[in-house]
Amino acid sequence: MSEGLWSDFVASEIMPRFPEGLTVLDAPGQWQDKERNTIVKGPSKHVRLIVPADAEVKEKLDSIVTDHKQRFQQQGVGIVIRPACVSL
């Protein structure tokens, strides 16, 4: 995936759902290609959002995951949800 395609995805799918902002980190990654039963290594994007853990947020995240899998032909997208203490 090119940086331009990624930027377009962030602008069209993530930012409209979470306009308060986010952080994107580039990282090396690897995952199991279940169709070919191989380990694939490549660049990865980590998106960090600090948001309340409620049903509305979960629906937004589910929509982003579905859109990402379709747009970039991905078998899966990882999501980690954890509690945090935040001061605004």
Protein backbone atom coordinates (compact mmCIF):
# COMPACT_ATOMS: atom_id res chain seq x y z
CA MET A 1 0.00 0.00 0.00
CA SER A 2 1.38 3.40 -0.94
CA GLU A 3 1.52 6.32 1.46
CA GLY A 4 -0.98 8.13 -0.78
CA LEU A 5 -3.52 5.30 -0.56
CA TRP A 6 -3.01 5.11 3.20
CA SER A 7 -3.45 8.89 3.57
CA ASP A 8 -6.64 8.72 1.52
CA PHE A 9 -7.96 5.94 3.76
CA VAL A 10 -7.20 7.91 6.92
CA ALA A 11 -8.84 11.03 5.47
CA SER A 12 -11.94 9.28 4.15
CA GLU A 13 -12.58 6.52 6.69
CA ILE A 14 -10.90 7.25 10.04
CA MET A 15 -10.91 11.03 10.46
CA PRO A 16 -14.64 11.45 9.70
CA ARG A 17 -15.41 8.91 12.44
CA PHE A 18 -12.82 10.26 14.91
CA PRO A 19 -12.30 13.96 14.09
CA GLU A 20 -10.72 14.62 17.50
CA GLY A 21 -7.48 13.16 16.14
CA LEU A 22 -5.26 10.14 16.11
CA THR A 23 -1.64 9.04 15.95
CA VAL A 24 -0.22 6.79 13.21
CA LEU A 25 3.00 4.90 13.79
CA ASP A 26 4.96 2.99 11.14
CA ALA A 27 6.34 -0.36 12.31
CA PRO A 28 7.74 -3.56 10.86
CA GLY A 29 5.19 -6.35 11.02
CA GLN A 30 4.48 -9.92 10.16
CA TRP A 31 1.35 -12.03 9.93
CA GLN A 32 0.20 -15.44 8.83
CA ASP A 33 -1.32 -15.61 5.36
CA LYS A 34 -3.96 -18.25 6.05
CA GLU A 35 -4.73 -18.80 2.37
CA ARG A 36 -1.09 -19.67 1.54
CA ASN A 37 -0.10 -20.89 5.03
CA THR A 38 2.99 -18.68 5.05
CA ILE A 39 4.41 -15.94 7.24
CA VAL A 40 4.49 -12.57 5.47
CA LYS A 41 6.72 -9.72 6.64
CA GLY A 42 6.16 -6.12 5.70
CA PRO A 43 5.41 -2.61 6.85
CA SER A 44 2.58 -2.07 9.28
CA LYS A 45 0.54 0.92 10.40
CA HIS A 46 -0.48 1.36 14.04
CA VAL A 47 -3.33 3.78 14.61
CA ARG A 48 -3.81 5.06 18.14
CA LEU A 49 -7.07 6.59 19.24
CA ILE A 50 -7.93 7.70 22.75
CA VAL A 51 -11.69 7.39 22.96
CA PRO A 52 -14.33 6.11 25.37
CA ALA A 53 -14.98 2.37 25.20
CA ASP A 54 -18.65 2.39 24.29
CA ALA A 55 -20.94 0.78 21.73
CA GLU A 56 -20.77 3.74 19.33
CA VAL A 57 -16.97 3.63 19.24
CA LYS A 58 -17.03 -0.14 18.69
CA GLU A 59 -19.38 0.31 15.72
CA LYS A 60 -17.05 2.94 14.22
CA LEU A 61 -14.02 0.69 14.69
CA ASP A 62 -15.85 -2.27 13.15
CA SER A 63 -16.71 -0.13 10.11
CA ILE A 64 -13.10 1.00 9.72
CA VAL A 65 -11.86 -2.62 9.94
CA THR A 66 -14.39 -3.77 7.32
CA ASP A 67 -13.48 -0.89 4.99
CA HIS A 68 -9.73 -1.52 5.42
CA LYS A 69 -10.03 -5.26 4.72
CA GLN A 70 -12.04 -4.60 1.56
CA ARG A 71 -9.96 -1.71 0.25
CA PHE A 72 -6.56 -3.32 0.83
CA GLN A 73 -7.57 -6.99 0.39
CA GLN A 74 -6.52 -7.85 3.95
CA GLN A 75 -7.49 -11.09 5.70
CA GLY A 76 -7.56 -9.40 9.08
CA VAL A 77 -6.95 -6.22 11.05
CA GLY A 78 -5.82 -6.26 14.66
CA ILE A 79 -7.48 -4.08 17.29
CA VAL A 80 -6.42 -3.69 20.91
CA ILE A 81 -8.76 -1.96 23.34
CA ARG A 82 -7.49 -1.20 26.80
CA PRO A 83 -8.30 1.14 29.66
CA ALA A 84 -6.32 4.35 30.00
CA CYS A 85 -6.20 7.31 32.32
CA VAL A 86 -6.33 10.52 30.32
CA SER A 87 -6.35 14.15 31.43
CA LEU A 88 -7.61 16.82 29.06
